[in-house]
Every structure is written in structure tokens, then in C-alpha cells.
Amino acid sequence: MNSKISDKDKKDWENFLSSEEKLTDKEITFSKKKINKIKSIDLHGYSLEEAHREINLFIKKSFEDRLNKLIVVTGKGLHSDNEKNPYVSKDLSILRYSVPQYIKDNNELMTMIYNIEEANIEDGGSGAFYIYLKKKL
């Protein structure tokens, strides 16, 4: 190993010592892992109006409680009676489609929401979705 330190390395070291730049403490960084506060709601069997009312209350309460991830289970609409009624939309009467659309159309709720995405298979897959809430200031 070469015991001589080059002039460039000496100069770099002196510049670093004289600067205000601080190194990050890796132990502090790793100890501040994000802790997900998760809550879920199951809307199986709800009518459209009931589901919209419940999801509205659920999101607002969860935001107040400083939760950051919600799991909304709507089901896939496989047992929905809308197939028998020709005057009802085949898609929008199914909670799977109507609840996320209701949330996206509600400006008050969207101010609390960071993102909405389909759930992983273990949380319900296409019959559920996640809502990620913003931090309450």
C-alpha cells in the first residue's frame, strides 16, 4: 500500500473539512423506516348509495386519524343483480367500478388522496383497491 497522500487528496480533504457539508448518519436514516398505518373496509352487499356514503366517511375519518393506506374491498361484481335489469349500466352499477369513480369525481376527497391503485392479489386483487392518503398537516 502506498503511504503517500497525493496533493489532490490533501486538498480535497482540506476542502471537505472547511465546508459546511455534513455526511448523513446512516443509522438515523435506516431507523426511520416508514410505518404504514393500514385500515380496510369491505363494501360487499352495499347498494351504490350506501357504498358512496360509507366510503366518504371512511376516507375522511382515516385522514383525520392520520392513516396512510386504505384497502377498499368492493368485490368483482360476479353476484350483482344488475345483469337482470336492462336500465342499469352493466359496469357503473357494480361497486368495483363506481366506487373508485365516485372518489375521483369528489374534489373534497381527492384533496386527501395521494394515489389510488388496484390491490395485490393477497388483498383482493381486482376486487379491491388501495387508497394512499396524504399526510395531514
C-alpha atoms as a PDB file:
ATOM      1  CA  MET A   1       0.000   0.000   0.000  1.00  0.00           C
ATOM      2  CA  ASN A   2       1.226   3.446  -0.878  1.00  0.00           C
ATOM      3  CA  SER A   3       1.625   5.558   2.274  1.00  0.00           C
ATOM      4  CA  LYS A   4       1.998   8.808   0.363  1.00  0.00           C
ATOM      5  CA  ILE A   5      -1.082  11.000   0.068  1.00  0.00           C
ATOM      6  CA  SER A   6      -1.302  12.957  -3.149  1.00  0.00           C
ATOM      7  CA  ASP A   7      -1.570  16.728  -3.149  1.00  0.00           C
ATOM      8  CA  LYS A   8      -5.008  16.447  -4.768  1.00  0.00           C
ATOM      9  CA  ASP A   9      -6.271  14.164  -1.966  1.00  0.00           C
ATOM     10  CA  LYS A  10      -4.893  16.539   0.667  1.00  0.00           C
ATOM     11  CA  LYS A  11      -6.579  19.489  -0.988  1.00  0.00           C
ATOM     12  CA  ASP A  12      -9.895  17.584  -1.293  1.00  0.00           C
ATOM     13  CA  TRP A  13      -9.694  16.640   2.405  1.00  0.00           C
ATOM     14  CA  GLU A  14      -8.997  20.229   3.471  1.00  0.00           C
ATOM     15  CA  ASN A  15     -11.895  21.468   1.322  1.00  0.00           C
ATOM     16  CA  PHE A  16     -14.216  18.921   2.885  1.00  0.00           C
ATOM     17  CA  LEU A  17     -13.186  19.840   6.439  1.00  0.00           C
ATOM     18  CA  SER A  18     -13.641  23.549   5.799  1.00  0.00           C
ATOM     19  CA  SER A  19     -17.028  23.143   4.097  1.00  0.00           C
ATOM     20  CA  GLU A  20     -20.393  23.183   5.842  1.00  0.00           C
ATOM     21  CA  GLU A  21     -21.402  19.931   4.155  1.00  0.00           C
ATOM     22  CA  LYS A  22     -22.459  17.192   6.564  1.00  0.00           C
ATOM     23  CA  LEU A  23     -22.493  13.464   5.970  1.00  0.00           C
ATOM     24  CA  THR A  24     -25.749  11.660   6.618  1.00  0.00           C
ATOM     25  CA  ASP A  25     -25.811   9.375   9.605  1.00  0.00           C
ATOM     26  CA  LYS A  26     -26.812   6.030   8.102  1.00  0.00           C
ATOM     27  CA  GLU A  27     -28.050   4.677  11.435  1.00  0.00           C
ATOM     28  CA  ILE A  28     -30.560   7.504  11.762  1.00  0.00           C
ATOM     29  CA  THR A  29     -31.632   7.116   8.141  1.00  0.00           C
ATOM     30  CA  PHE A  30     -32.267   3.382   8.479  1.00  0.00           C
ATOM     31  CA  SER A  31     -34.061   3.699  11.816  1.00  0.00           C
ATOM     32  CA  LYS A  32     -36.700   5.995  10.297  1.00  0.00           C
ATOM     33  CA  LYS A  33     -38.453   3.314   8.287  1.00  0.00           C
ATOM     34  CA  LYS A  34     -41.876   4.276   7.026  1.00  0.00           C
ATOM     35  CA  ILE A  35     -44.567   2.636   9.088  1.00  0.00           C
ATOM     36  CA  ASN A  36     -47.785   2.039   7.179  1.00  0.00           C
ATOM     37  CA  LYS A  37     -50.928   2.632   9.164  1.00  0.00           C
ATOM     38  CA  ILE A  38     -53.450   0.500   7.292  1.00  0.00           C
ATOM     39  CA  LYS A  39     -57.209   0.132   7.622  1.00  0.00           C
ATOM     40  CA  SER A  40     -59.677  -1.681   5.394  1.00  0.00           C
ATOM     41  CA  ILE A  41     -63.374  -1.613   4.575  1.00  0.00           C
ATOM     42  CA  ASP A  42     -65.461  -4.303   2.895  1.00  0.00           C
ATOM     43  CA  LEU A  43     -68.348  -2.998   0.779  1.00  0.00           C
ATOM     44  CA  HIS A  44     -69.813  -6.390  -0.220  1.00  0.00           C
ATOM     45  CA  GLY A  45     -73.609  -6.221  -0.217  1.00  0.00           C
ATOM     46  CA  TYR A  46     -73.840  -2.421  -0.120  1.00  0.00           C
ATOM     47  CA  SER A  47     -76.064  -0.511  -2.535  1.00  0.00           C
ATOM     48  CA  LEU A  48     -74.434   2.250  -4.599  1.00  0.00           C
ATOM     49  CA  GLU A  49     -75.759   4.973  -2.297  1.00  0.00           C
ATOM     50  CA  GLU A  50     -74.700   3.124   0.864  1.00  0.00           C
ATOM     51  CA  ALA A  51     -71.240   2.414  -0.542  1.00  0.00           C
ATOM     52  CA  HIS A  52     -70.690   6.046  -1.551  1.00  0.00           C
ATOM     53  CA  ARG A  53     -71.802   7.298   1.862  1.00  0.00           C
ATOM     54  CA  GLU A  54     -69.619   4.758   3.708  1.00  0.00           C
ATOM     55  CA  ILE A  55     -66.509   5.366   1.596  1.00  0.00           C
ATOM     56  CA  ASN A  56     -66.886   9.121   2.070  1.00  0.00           C
ATOM     57  CA  LEU A  57     -66.992   8.750   5.869  1.00  0.00           C
ATOM     58  CA  PHE A  58     -64.242   6.109   5.849  1.00  0.00           C
ATOM     59  CA  ILE A  59     -61.761   8.259   3.911  1.00  0.00           C
ATOM     60  CA  LYS A  60     -62.436  11.381   5.984  1.00  0.00           C
ATOM     61  CA  LYS A  61     -62.097   9.528   9.312  1.00  0.00           C
ATOM     62  CA  SER A  62     -58.952   7.728   8.156  1.00  0.00           C
ATOM     63  CA  PHE A  63     -57.407  11.035   7.066  1.00  0.00           C
ATOM     64  CA  GLU A  64     -58.224  12.567  10.462  1.00  0.00           C
ATOM     65  CA  ASP A  65     -56.688   9.515  12.183  1.00  0.00           C
ATOM     66  CA  ARG A  66     -53.519  10.023  10.088  1.00  0.00           C
ATOM     67  CA  LEU A  67     -53.683   6.656   8.365  1.00  0.00           C
ATOM     68  CA  ASN A  68     -51.726   6.416   5.142  1.00  0.00           C
ATOM     69  CA  LYS A  69     -53.011   3.300   3.378  1.00  0.00           C
ATOM     70  CA  LEU A  70     -56.572   2.092   2.961  1.00  0.00           C
ATOM     71  CA  ILE A  71     -57.768  -1.176   1.472  1.00  0.00           C
ATOM     72  CA  VAL A  72     -61.230  -0.973  -0.076  1.00  0.00           C
ATOM     73  CA  VAL A  73     -62.822  -4.331  -0.908  1.00  0.00           C
ATOM     74  CA  THR A  74     -65.661  -3.997  -3.398  1.00  0.00           C
ATOM     75  CA  GLY A  75     -65.821  -7.487  -4.828  1.00  0.00           C
ATOM     76  CA  LYS A  76     -65.757  -8.218  -8.523  1.00  0.00           C
ATOM     77  CA  GLY A  77     -69.477  -7.848  -9.159  1.00  0.00           C
ATOM     78  CA  LEU A  78     -69.910 -11.524 -10.035  1.00  0.00           C
ATOM     79  CA  HIS A  79     -73.108 -11.817  -7.967  1.00  0.00           C
ATOM     80  CA  SER A  80     -74.555  -8.429  -8.856  1.00  0.00           C
ATOM     81  CA  ASP A  81     -78.228  -8.294  -9.859  1.00  0.00           C
ATOM     82  CA  ASN A  82     -77.536  -5.596 -12.458  1.00  0.00           C
ATOM     83  CA  GLU A  83     -77.353  -8.196 -15.249  1.00  0.00           C
ATOM     84  CA  LYS A  84     -81.113  -8.694 -14.959  1.00  0.00           C
ATOM     85  CA  ASN A  85     -82.034  -5.019 -15.260  1.00  0.00           C
ATOM     86  CA  PRO A  86     -81.706  -3.594 -18.809  1.00  0.00           C
ATOM     87  CA  TYR A  87     -81.973   0.000 -17.477  1.00  0.00           C
ATOM     88  CA  VAL A  88     -78.886  -0.277 -15.265  1.00  0.00           C
ATOM     89  CA  SER A  89     -75.326   0.134 -16.515  1.00  0.00           C
ATOM     90  CA  LYS A  90     -73.521  -3.190 -16.554  1.00  0.00           C
ATOM     91  CA  ASP A  91     -70.327  -1.551 -15.302  1.00  0.00           C
ATOM     92  CA  LEU A  92     -71.142   1.583 -13.329  1.00  0.00           C
ATOM     93  CA  SER A  93     -73.676  -0.087 -11.062  1.00  0.00           C
ATOM     94  CA  ILE A  94     -71.011  -2.544  -9.919  1.00  0.00           C
ATOM     95  CA  LEU A  95     -69.131  -1.189  -6.896  1.00  0.00           C
ATOM     96  CA  ARG A  96     -65.827  -2.312  -8.394  1.00  0.00           C
ATOM     97  CA  TYR A  97     -66.147   0.478 -10.982  1.00  0.00           C
ATOM     98  CA  SER A  98     -68.458   3.003  -9.361  1.00  0.00           C
ATOM     99  CA  VAL A  99     -66.675   3.476  -6.014  1.00  0.00           C
ATOM    100  CA  PRO A 100     -63.278   4.474  -7.482  1.00  0.00           C
ATOM    101  CA  GLN A 101     -65.053   6.740  -9.980  1.00  0.00           C
ATOM    102  CA  TYR A 102     -67.096   8.333  -7.180  1.00  0.00           C
ATOM    103  CA  ILE A 103     -63.874   9.042  -5.259  1.00  0.00           C
ATOM    104  CA  LYS A 104     -62.097  10.507  -8.310  1.00  0.00           C
ATOM    105  CA  ASP A 105     -65.082  12.770  -9.038  1.00  0.00           C
ATOM    106  CA  ASN A 106     -65.205  14.032  -5.430  1.00  0.00           C
ATOM    107  CA  ASN A 107     -62.818  17.015  -5.176  1.00  0.00           C
ATOM    108  CA  GLU A 108     -63.006  17.127  -1.378  1.00  0.00           C
ATOM    109  CA  LEU A 109     -61.870  13.501  -1.064  1.00  0.00           C
ATOM    110  CA  MET A 110     -59.191  13.877  -3.726  1.00  0.00           C
ATOM    111  CA  THR A 111     -57.502  16.652  -1.724  1.00  0.00           C
ATOM    112  CA  MET A 112     -56.760  13.974   0.916  1.00  0.00           C
ATOM    113  CA  ILE A 113     -55.619  11.280  -1.502  1.00  0.00           C
ATOM    114  CA  TYR A 114     -52.141  10.767  -2.904  1.00  0.00           C
ATOM    115  CA  ASN A 115     -52.884   7.765  -5.162  1.00  0.00           C
ATOM    116  CA  ILE A 116     -55.438   5.047  -5.959  1.00  0.00           C
ATOM    117  CA  GLU A 117     -54.361   1.696  -7.408  1.00  0.00           C
ATOM    118  CA  GLU A 118     -55.569  -1.886  -7.783  1.00  0.00           C
ATOM    119  CA  ALA A 119     -54.812  -4.136  -4.805  1.00  0.00           C
ATOM    120  CA  ASN A 120     -52.359  -7.021  -4.777  1.00  0.00           C
ATOM    121  CA  ILE A 121     -53.851 -10.499  -5.060  1.00  0.00           C
ATOM    122  CA  GLU A 122     -53.454 -11.163  -1.310  1.00  0.00           C
ATOM    123  CA  ASP A 123     -55.634  -8.105  -0.553  1.00  0.00           C
ATOM    124  CA  GLY A 124     -58.373  -8.903  -3.077  1.00  0.00           C
ATOM    125  CA  GLY A 125     -56.773  -8.304  -6.485  1.00  0.00           C
ATOM    126  CA  SER A 126     -59.204  -6.830  -8.996  1.00  0.00           C
ATOM    127  CA  GLY A 127     -61.983  -6.955  -6.378  1.00  0.00           C
ATOM    128  CA  ALA A 128     -60.202  -4.397  -4.197  1.00  0.00           C
ATOM    129  CA  PHE A 129     -58.079  -1.282  -4.444  1.00  0.00           C
ATOM    130  CA  TYR A 130     -55.681   0.766  -2.351  1.00  0.00           C
ATOM    131  CA  ILE A 131     -56.063   4.394  -1.417  1.00  0.00           C
ATOM    132  CA  TYR A 132     -52.888   6.161  -0.284  1.00  0.00           C
ATOM    133  CA  LEU A 133     -53.660   9.198   1.817  1.00  0.00           C
ATOM    134  CA  LYS A 134     -51.599  12.363   2.015  1.00  0.00           C
ATOM    135  CA  LYS A 135     -50.061  13.424   5.294  1.00  0.00           C
ATOM    136  CA  LYS A 136     -52.338  15.643   7.332  1.00  0.00           C
ATOM    137  CA  LEU A 137     -50.633  18.949   8.063  1.00  0.00           C
END
